[in-house]
Every structure is written in C-alpha cells, then in structure tokens.
Amino acid sequence: MSLSEQIHSDMVEAMRSGHALQLGVLRMVKTAIKNKEVEIGETLSDEAVESVLNTQVKQRRDSATQFRKGGRDELAEKEEAEIGFIERYLPAPATEDEIREAIAAAIAETGAESMKQMGAVMKATMTGLTGKTVDGGRVSGLVREALGGR
C-alpha cells in the first residue's frame, strides 16, 4: 500500500471512529497531496508524498512558534498535536550522530575547507541522509559549526 493510500485509509478510519482532530489533519494532508498532484500533473511517489508531509510539518512548526510568541499556547499545542499525527507517516528522524557523520562524510567528499563551500556540503549531507526525516535548519547549523573551525 502506498503512503497516499495509507493516509486515505487512515482518514476513513478516523471518520468511522469519530477522531475529529486526526480527521481534520488527514484531510488537510490529503488536500495538500492532491494539490501537488494537480500542480505536477501526475500521481505522487512515496518520496514526493514524504516531501509534502515534511512541508506540512514545517508549516505547523512555524505556526506553533508564532502562536507561542503571541501568547496563544492553546493554538500552539494544537499545531504540535497535528505535527504528531503527520510524523507517523514520515521515516524516523535522523539522530544527531547520524547528521554529524553525514556532515563529516560530505566535507571529506567535497574537500570543503571554508564556509564558501557550505552549499556543496549541505547538498552532499542531505543526499547522505536520504530516507531519514531531517530538519534542514538543524543540519545547516551543524554544517556551519563544522566549517567554522576551518
């Protein structure tokens, strides 16, 4: 069963069981997937669906941060609960050690010696972390740290 089919199946189950929050999240996710399919004109692969899901998680994290800054903790908590539902469909997140190993391998592969090569190191690092859920901002900070000493 594809990831998109699994989301649809879980959405139907949420309807039957009356889980309103989960149903709402899955409907939004399904709509985002459908919009992307219409945009590119074809059915999405599981990797493309994961990309859409990562975008949904990032948007909700940004919203939760803004809600917390605005003193709206109840809305931030709702966004964080939605993140929890979406992350169930994503691969396991990369650990700090896995990210650092990928960065070290990327630096060795690219021969980077300064911040000028950060783009190449980021690209190689993200390629090395394929199949894992990764926060690009976190990776960027660790790459800066690794290249800062060079």
N, C-alpha and C. Protein backbone atom coordinates (compact mmCIF):
# COMPACT_ATOMS: atom_id res chain seq x y z
N MET A 1 0.85 -1.18 0.00
CA MET A 1 0.00 0.00 0.00
C MET A 1 0.90 1.24 0.00
N SER A 2 0.60 2.18 -0.91
CA SER A 2 1.40 3.39 -0.98
C SER A 2 1.10 4.30 0.22
N LEU A 3 1.95 5.25 0.43
CA LEU A 3 1.79 6.18 1.55
C LEU A 3 0.50 6.98 1.40
N SER A 4 0.21 7.40 0.19
CA SER A 4 -1.03 8.15 -0.08
C SER A 4 -2.26 7.30 0.22
N GLU A 5 -2.21 6.03 -0.18
CA GLU A 5 -3.33 5.12 0.10
C GLU A 5 -3.49 4.89 1.60
N GLN A 6 -2.36 4.80 2.31
CA GLN A 6 -2.40 4.61 3.77
C GLN A 6 -3.05 5.81 4.44
N ILE A 7 -2.71 7.00 3.99
CA ILE A 7 -3.31 8.22 4.55
C ILE A 7 -4.81 8.22 4.31
N HIS A 8 -5.22 7.84 3.09
CA HIS A 8 -6.65 7.79 2.78
C HIS A 8 -7.36 6.76 3.66
N SER A 9 -6.77 5.59 3.81
CA SER A 9 -7.34 4.55 4.64
C SER A 9 -7.49 5.01 6.10
N ASP A 10 -6.45 5.67 6.62
CA ASP A 10 -6.50 6.17 7.99
C ASP A 10 -7.53 7.28 8.14
N MET A 11 -7.73 8.06 7.08
CA MET A 11 -8.73 9.12 7.11
C MET A 11 -10.13 8.51 7.22
N VAL A 12 -10.38 7.47 6.46
CA VAL A 12 -11.68 6.78 6.52
C VAL A 12 -11.90 6.21 7.92
N GLU A 13 -10.85 5.60 8.48
CA GLU A 13 -10.94 5.04 9.83
C GLU A 13 -11.20 6.14 10.87
N ALA A 14 -10.57 7.29 10.71
CA ALA A 14 -10.79 8.41 11.64
C ALA A 14 -12.24 8.90 11.55
N MET A 15 -12.80 8.88 10.34
CA MET A 15 -14.21 9.25 10.16
C MET A 15 -15.12 8.29 10.92
N ARG A 16 -14.85 7.01 10.76
CA ARG A 16 -15.68 5.99 11.41
C ARG A 16 -15.59 6.04 12.93
N SER A 17 -14.39 6.31 13.43
CA SER A 17 -14.19 6.29 14.89
C SER A 17 -14.46 7.63 15.55
N GLY A 18 -14.66 8.68 14.77
CA GLY A 18 -15.02 9.97 15.32
C GLY A 18 -13.86 10.76 15.91
N HIS A 19 -12.64 10.51 15.46
CA HIS A 19 -11.48 11.28 15.91
C HIS A 19 -11.39 12.57 15.09
N ALA A 20 -11.97 13.63 15.60
CA ALA A 20 -12.10 14.87 14.85
C ALA A 20 -10.75 15.51 14.51
N LEU A 21 -9.85 15.60 15.48
CA LEU A 21 -8.55 16.24 15.23
C LEU A 21 -7.77 15.46 14.18
N GLN A 22 -7.69 14.15 14.34
CA GLN A 22 -6.96 13.33 13.39
C GLN A 22 -7.60 13.42 12.00
N LEU A 23 -8.91 13.41 11.94
CA LEU A 23 -9.60 13.51 10.66
C LEU A 23 -9.29 14.84 9.98
N GLY A 24 -9.33 15.91 10.75
CA GLY A 24 -9.03 17.23 10.18
C GLY A 24 -7.62 17.31 9.63
N VAL A 25 -6.66 16.78 10.37
CA VAL A 25 -5.26 16.79 9.93
C VAL A 25 -5.11 15.97 8.66
N LEU A 26 -5.69 14.77 8.64
CA LEU A 26 -5.56 13.91 7.46
C LEU A 26 -6.24 14.51 6.24
N ARG A 27 -7.34 15.20 6.44
CA ARG A 27 -8.00 15.88 5.31
C ARG A 27 -7.10 16.98 4.75
N MET A 28 -6.48 17.76 5.64
CA MET A 28 -5.57 18.82 5.17
C MET A 28 -4.38 18.22 4.42
N VAL A 29 -3.84 17.12 4.95
CA VAL A 29 -2.70 16.47 4.31
C VAL A 29 -3.11 15.93 2.95
N LYS A 30 -4.26 15.27 2.89
CA LYS A 30 -4.74 14.71 1.62
C LYS A 30 -4.95 15.82 0.59
N THR A 31 -5.47 16.96 1.04
CA THR A 31 -5.67 18.09 0.14
C THR A 31 -4.32 18.61 -0.37
N ALA A 32 -3.33 18.71 0.50
CA ALA A 32 -2.00 19.17 0.09
C ALA A 32 -1.40 18.22 -0.94
N ILE A 33 -1.58 16.92 -0.72
CA ILE A 33 -1.07 15.93 -1.67
C ILE A 33 -1.78 16.07 -3.01
N LYS A 34 -3.10 16.21 -2.97
CA LYS A 34 -3.88 16.35 -4.21
C LYS A 34 -3.48 17.62 -4.96
N ASN A 35 -3.28 18.73 -4.23
CA ASN A 35 -2.86 19.98 -4.86
C ASN A 35 -1.52 19.81 -5.57
N LYS A 36 -0.59 19.10 -4.94
CA LYS A 36 0.72 18.86 -5.54
C LYS A 36 0.59 17.99 -6.79
N GLU A 37 -0.30 16.98 -6.73
CA GLU A 37 -0.52 16.12 -7.89
C GLU A 37 -1.09 16.93 -9.06
N VAL A 38 -2.02 17.83 -8.77
CA VAL A 38 -2.60 18.67 -9.82
C VAL A 38 -1.53 19.59 -10.39
N GLU A 39 -0.69 20.13 -9.51
CA GLU A 39 0.37 21.05 -9.93
C GLU A 39 1.34 20.39 -10.90
N ILE A 40 1.76 19.15 -10.60
CA ILE A 40 2.74 18.49 -11.46
C ILE A 40 2.09 17.61 -12.53
N GLY A 41 0.81 17.31 -12.38
CA GLY A 41 0.08 16.57 -13.40
C GLY A 41 0.26 15.06 -13.36
N GLU A 42 0.67 14.52 -12.21
CA GLU A 42 0.80 13.07 -12.10
C GLU A 42 0.67 12.65 -10.64
N THR A 43 0.46 11.36 -10.44
CA THR A 43 0.36 10.81 -9.10
C THR A 43 1.73 10.86 -8.42
N LEU A 44 1.73 11.22 -7.14
CA LEU A 44 2.99 11.37 -6.42
C LEU A 44 3.55 10.03 -5.97
N SER A 45 4.86 9.91 -6.02
CA SER A 45 5.54 8.74 -5.46
C SER A 45 5.56 8.89 -3.94
N ASP A 46 5.93 7.83 -3.24
CA ASP A 46 6.01 7.91 -1.79
C ASP A 46 7.02 8.97 -1.34
N GLU A 47 8.13 9.12 -2.07
CA GLU A 47 9.13 10.13 -1.73
C GLU A 47 8.55 11.53 -1.87
N ALA A 48 7.76 11.76 -2.92
CA ALA A 48 7.14 13.06 -3.13
C ALA A 48 6.08 13.33 -2.05
N VAL A 49 5.35 12.30 -1.65
CA VAL A 49 4.36 12.45 -0.57
C VAL A 49 5.09 12.81 0.73
N GLU A 50 6.24 12.17 0.98
CA GLU A 50 7.03 12.50 2.17
C GLU A 50 7.48 13.95 2.13
N SER A 51 7.83 14.44 0.96
CA SER A 51 8.22 15.84 0.82
C SER A 51 7.06 16.77 1.19
N VAL A 52 5.86 16.43 0.72
CA VAL A 52 4.67 17.22 1.06
C VAL A 52 4.43 17.17 2.57
N LEU A 53 4.58 15.99 3.16
CA LEU A 53 4.39 15.85 4.61
C LEU A 53 5.42 16.67 5.38
N ASN A 54 6.66 16.66 4.92
CA ASN A 54 7.69 17.48 5.58
C ASN A 54 7.35 18.96 5.51
N THR A 55 6.81 19.39 4.39
CA THR A 55 6.39 20.78 4.24
C THR A 55 5.27 21.10 5.22
N GLN A 56 4.32 20.17 5.37
CA GLN A 56 3.22 20.37 6.31
C GLN A 56 3.74 20.48 7.75
N VAL A 57 4.70 19.64 8.10
CA VAL A 57 5.28 19.68 9.45
C VAL A 57 5.99 21.01 9.67
N LYS A 58 6.76 21.44 8.68
CA LYS A 58 7.50 22.70 8.80
C LYS A 58 6.54 23.88 8.98
N GLN A 59 5.47 23.89 8.21
CA GLN A 59 4.48 24.97 8.33
C GLN A 59 3.87 25.00 9.73
N ARG A 60 3.57 23.84 10.25
CA ARG A 60 2.97 23.77 11.59
C ARG A 60 3.96 24.15 12.68
N ARG A 61 5.23 23.80 12.50
CA ARG A 61 6.25 24.22 13.47
C ARG A 61 6.37 25.74 13.48
N ASP A 62 6.39 26.32 12.29
CA ASP A 62 6.47 27.78 12.19
C ASP A 62 5.25 28.43 12.85
N SER A 63 4.08 27.87 12.60
CA SER A 63 2.85 28.41 13.19
C SER A 63 2.89 28.28 14.71
N ALA A 64 3.33 27.13 15.22
CA ALA A 64 3.39 26.93 16.67
C ALA A 64 4.34 27.94 17.31
N THR A 65 5.46 28.19 16.65
CA THR A 65 6.41 29.18 17.17
C THR A 65 5.78 30.57 17.23
N GLN A 66 5.07 30.93 16.17
CA GLN A 66 4.42 32.24 16.14
C GLN A 66 3.32 32.34 17.19
N PHE A 67 2.56 31.27 17.36
CA PHE A 67 1.50 31.28 18.37
C PHE A 67 2.08 31.44 19.77
N ARG A 68 3.20 30.76 20.03
CA ARG A 68 3.83 30.87 21.35
C ARG A 68 4.34 32.30 21.58
N LYS A 69 4.92 32.90 20.55
CA LYS A 69 5.39 34.28 20.67
C LYS A 69 4.23 35.22 20.95
N GLY A 70 3.08 34.91 20.41
CA GLY A 70 1.89 35.75 20.59
C GLY A 70 1.10 35.40 21.84
N GLY A 71 1.59 34.47 22.64
CA GLY A 71 0.90 34.11 23.87
C GLY A 71 -0.32 33.23 23.67
N ARG A 72 -0.41 32.58 22.54
CA ARG A 72 -1.55 31.70 22.23
C ARG A 72 -1.13 30.25 22.34
N ASP A 73 -0.83 29.84 23.57
CA ASP A 73 -0.32 28.49 23.81
C ASP A 73 -1.29 27.40 23.40
N GLU A 74 -2.60 27.64 23.54
CA GLU A 74 -3.57 26.61 23.17
C GLU A 74 -3.52 26.32 21.67
N LEU A 75 -3.30 27.35 20.87
CA LEU A 75 -3.20 27.14 19.42
C LEU A 75 -1.87 26.47 19.06
N ALA A 76 -0.82 26.83 19.79
CA ALA A 76 0.49 26.20 19.56
C ALA A 76 0.41 24.71 19.89
N GLU A 77 -0.28 24.36 20.96
CA GLU A 77 -0.42 22.96 21.34
C GLU A 77 -1.21 22.18 20.30
N LYS A 78 -2.22 22.82 19.70
CA LYS A 78 -2.99 22.17 18.64
C LYS A 78 -2.09 21.88 17.42
N GLU A 79 -1.27 22.86 17.06
CA GLU A 79 -0.35 22.68 15.93
C GLU A 79 0.62 21.54 16.22
N GLU A 80 1.12 21.49 17.46
CA GLU A 80 2.07 20.44 17.82
C GLU A 80 1.41 19.06 17.83
N ALA A 81 0.14 19.00 18.21
CA ALA A 81 -0.59 17.73 18.14
C ALA A 81 -0.74 17.29 16.69
N GLU A 82 -1.00 18.24 15.80
CA GLU A 82 -1.12 17.92 14.38
C GLU A 82 0.20 17.40 13.83
N ILE A 83 1.31 18.00 14.28
CA ILE A 83 2.64 17.53 13.86
C ILE A 83 2.80 16.07 14.23
N GLY A 84 2.36 15.71 15.42
CA GLY A 84 2.45 14.31 15.87
C GLY A 84 1.73 13.35 14.95
N PHE A 85 0.55 13.74 14.47
CA PHE A 85 -0.20 12.88 13.55
C PHE A 85 0.53 12.74 12.21
N ILE A 86 1.06 13.84 11.72
CA ILE A 86 1.72 13.82 10.41
C ILE A 86 3.02 13.01 10.47
N GLU A 87 3.78 13.19 11.56
CA GLU A 87 5.07 12.50 11.66
C GLU A 87 4.95 10.98 11.67
N ARG A 88 3.77 10.45 11.95
CA ARG A 88 3.57 9.00 11.92
C ARG A 88 3.81 8.42 10.53
N TYR A 89 3.67 9.25 9.52
CA TYR A 89 3.81 8.80 8.14
C TYR A 89 5.20 9.05 7.57
N LEU A 90 6.06 9.67 8.37
CA LEU A 90 7.41 10.00 7.91
C LEU A 90 8.41 8.99 8.46
N PRO A 91 9.53 8.83 7.77
CA PRO A 91 10.58 7.94 8.28
C PRO A 91 11.12 8.49 9.61
N ALA A 92 11.83 7.64 10.32
CA ALA A 92 12.40 8.05 11.60
C ALA A 92 13.34 9.25 11.40
N PRO A 93 13.33 10.18 12.33
CA PRO A 93 14.22 11.33 12.19
C PRO A 93 15.69 10.92 12.36
N ALA A 94 16.56 11.63 11.67
CA ALA A 94 17.99 11.36 11.79
C ALA A 94 18.47 11.82 13.17
N THR A 95 19.32 11.02 13.77
CA THR A 95 19.86 11.38 15.08
C THR A 95 20.98 12.40 14.90
N GLU A 96 21.35 13.03 15.98
CA GLU A 96 22.46 14.00 15.96
C GLU A 96 23.73 13.34 15.44
N ASP A 97 24.02 12.11 15.90
CA ASP A 97 25.22 11.40 15.47
C ASP A 97 25.19 11.10 13.97
N GLU A 98 24.02 10.68 13.46
CA GLU A 98 23.89 10.39 12.03
C GLU A 98 24.12 11.65 11.20
N ILE A 99 23.61 12.77 11.68
CA ILE A 99 23.79 14.04 10.96
C ILE A 99 25.27 14.42 10.96
N ARG A 100 25.91 14.33 12.12
CA ARG A 100 27.34 14.68 12.21
C ARG A 100 28.19 13.77 11.33
N GLU A 101 27.86 12.47 11.27
CA GLU A 101 28.59 11.54 10.40
C GLU A 101 28.40 11.91 8.93
N ALA A 102 27.17 12.26 8.56
CA ALA A 102 26.89 12.65 7.17
C ALA A 102 27.63 13.93 6.81
N ILE A 103 27.72 14.87 7.77
CA ILE A 103 28.44 16.11 7.52
C ILE A 103 29.93 15.83 7.33
N ALA A 104 30.50 14.99 8.19
CA ALA A 104 31.92 14.64 8.08
C ALA A 104 32.20 13.99 6.73
N ALA A 105 31.33 13.07 6.32
CA ALA A 105 31.49 12.40 5.02
C ALA A 105 31.37 13.41 3.88
N ALA A 106 30.43 14.35 4.01
CA ALA A 106 30.23 15.35 2.96
C ALA A 106 31.44 16.29 2.86
N ILE A 107 32.01 16.66 4.00
CA ILE A 107 33.19 17.52 3.98
C ILE A 107 34.36 16.78 3.33
N ALA A 108 34.53 15.51 3.67
CA ALA A 108 35.60 14.72 3.06
C ALA A 108 35.37 14.56 1.55
N GLU A 109 34.11 14.32 1.17
CA GLU A 109 33.77 14.11 -0.24
C GLU A 109 33.99 15.38 -1.07
N THR A 110 33.60 16.52 -0.52
CA THR A 110 33.69 17.78 -1.28
C THR A 110 35.03 18.47 -1.10
N GLY A 111 35.78 18.08 -0.08
CA GLY A 111 37.07 18.74 0.19
C GLY A 111 36.89 20.15 0.69
N ALA A 112 35.74 20.43 1.29
CA ALA A 112 35.44 21.78 1.77
C ALA A 112 36.41 22.20 2.86
N GLU A 113 36.83 23.46 2.77
CA GLU A 113 37.77 23.99 3.76
C GLU A 113 37.27 25.26 4.41
N SER A 114 36.18 25.82 3.89
CA SER A 114 35.67 27.07 4.47
C SER A 114 34.17 27.18 4.23
N MET A 115 33.60 28.24 4.78
CA MET A 115 32.16 28.49 4.63
C MET A 115 31.78 28.72 3.17
N LYS A 116 32.73 29.02 2.33
CA LYS A 116 32.44 29.26 0.91
C LYS A 116 31.87 28.01 0.24
N GLN A 117 32.21 26.85 0.78
CA GLN A 117 31.73 25.59 0.21
C GLN A 117 30.52 25.04 0.96
N MET A 118 29.86 25.86 1.76
CA MET A 118 28.73 25.37 2.57
C MET A 118 27.62 24.76 1.71
N GLY A 119 27.31 25.38 0.59
CA GLY A 119 26.26 24.86 -0.29
C GLY A 119 26.54 23.45 -0.75
N ALA A 120 27.77 23.19 -1.15
CA ALA A 120 28.15 21.85 -1.62
C ALA A 120 28.09 20.85 -0.47
N VAL A 121 28.52 21.28 0.72
CA VAL A 121 28.48 20.38 1.88
C VAL A 121 27.03 20.08 2.27
N MET A 122 26.18 21.10 2.25
CA MET A 122 24.75 20.89 2.57
C MET A 122 24.13 19.90 1.60
N LYS A 123 24.38 20.08 0.31
CA LYS A 123 23.81 19.19 -0.71
C LYS A 123 24.26 17.76 -0.49
N ALA A 124 25.55 17.57 -0.26
CA ALA A 124 26.09 16.22 -0.05
C ALA A 124 25.56 15.63 1.26
N THR A 125 25.43 16.45 2.29
CA THR A 125 24.92 15.97 3.58
C THR A 125 23.48 15.50 3.43
N MET A 126 22.64 16.32 2.80
CA MET A 126 21.23 15.96 2.63
C MET A 126 21.09 14.70 1.78
N THR A 127 21.94 14.54 0.78
CA THR A 127 21.93 13.32 -0.03
C THR A 127 22.30 12.12 0.84
N GLY A 128 23.26 12.30 1.73
CA GLY A 128 23.68 11.23 2.62
C GLY A 128 22.62 10.85 3.65
N LEU A 129 21.67 11.75 3.89
CA LEU A 129 20.62 11.48 4.87
C LEU A 129 19.30 11.09 4.22
N THR A 130 19.34 10.75 2.94
CA THR A 130 18.13 10.33 2.24
C THR A 130 17.50 9.13 2.95
N GLY A 131 16.19 9.18 3.10
CA GLY A 131 15.48 8.10 3.78
C GLY A 131 15.23 8.40 5.24
N LYS A 132 15.72 9.51 5.72
CA LYS A 132 15.51 9.94 7.10
C LYS A 132 14.80 11.29 7.07
N THR A 133 14.05 11.57 8.12
CA THR A 133 13.44 12.88 8.26
C THR A 133 14.49 13.80 8.86
N VAL A 134 14.75 14.92 8.19
CA VAL A 134 15.81 15.82 8.61
C VAL A 134 15.31 17.26 8.59
N ASP A 135 15.63 18.00 9.65
CA ASP A 135 15.33 19.43 9.71
C ASP A 135 16.51 20.17 9.07
N GLY A 136 16.26 20.78 7.93
CA GLY A 136 17.32 21.47 7.19
C GLY A 136 17.99 22.56 8.01
N GLY A 137 17.23 23.27 8.83
CA GLY A 137 17.81 24.32 9.66
C GLY A 137 18.80 23.76 10.67
N ARG A 138 18.45 22.61 11.24
CA ARG A 138 19.34 21.96 12.19
C ARG A 138 20.62 21.51 11.50
N VAL A 139 20.48 20.93 10.31
CA VAL A 139 21.64 20.48 9.55
C VAL A 139 22.52 21.68 9.19
N SER A 140 21.89 22.75 8.77
CA SER A 140 22.62 23.96 8.41
C SER A 140 23.46 24.47 9.58
N GLY A 141 22.87 24.50 10.76
CA GLY A 141 23.61 24.95 11.94
C GLY A 141 24.80 24.06 12.24
N LEU A 142 24.65 22.75 12.09
CA LEU A 142 25.74 21.82 12.35
C LEU A 142 26.81 21.92 11.28
N VAL A 143 26.41 22.19 10.03
CA VAL A 143 27.40 22.37 8.96
C VAL A 143 28.20 23.64 9.23
N ARG A 144 27.53 24.71 9.63
CA ARG A 144 28.23 25.96 9.97
C ARG A 144 29.23 25.72 11.09
N GLU A 145 28.80 24.98 12.09
CA GLU A 145 29.67 24.64 13.22
C GLU A 145 30.90 23.87 12.73
N ALA A 146 30.67 22.88 11.87
CA ALA A 146 31.77 22.05 11.37
C ALA A 146 32.72 22.84 10.48
N LEU A 147 32.18 23.74 9.68
CA LEU A 147 33.03 24.52 8.77
C LEU A 147 33.63 25.74 9.44
N GLY A 148 33.04 26.15 10.54
CA GLY A 148 33.51 27.35 11.24
C GLY A 148 34.93 27.22 11.75
N GLY A 149 35.31 26.01 12.09
CA GLY A 149 36.66 25.77 12.60
C GLY A 149 37.69 25.59 11.51
N ARG A 150 37.31 25.83 10.26
CA ARG A 150 38.24 25.59 9.14
C ARG A 150 38.68 26.89 8.52
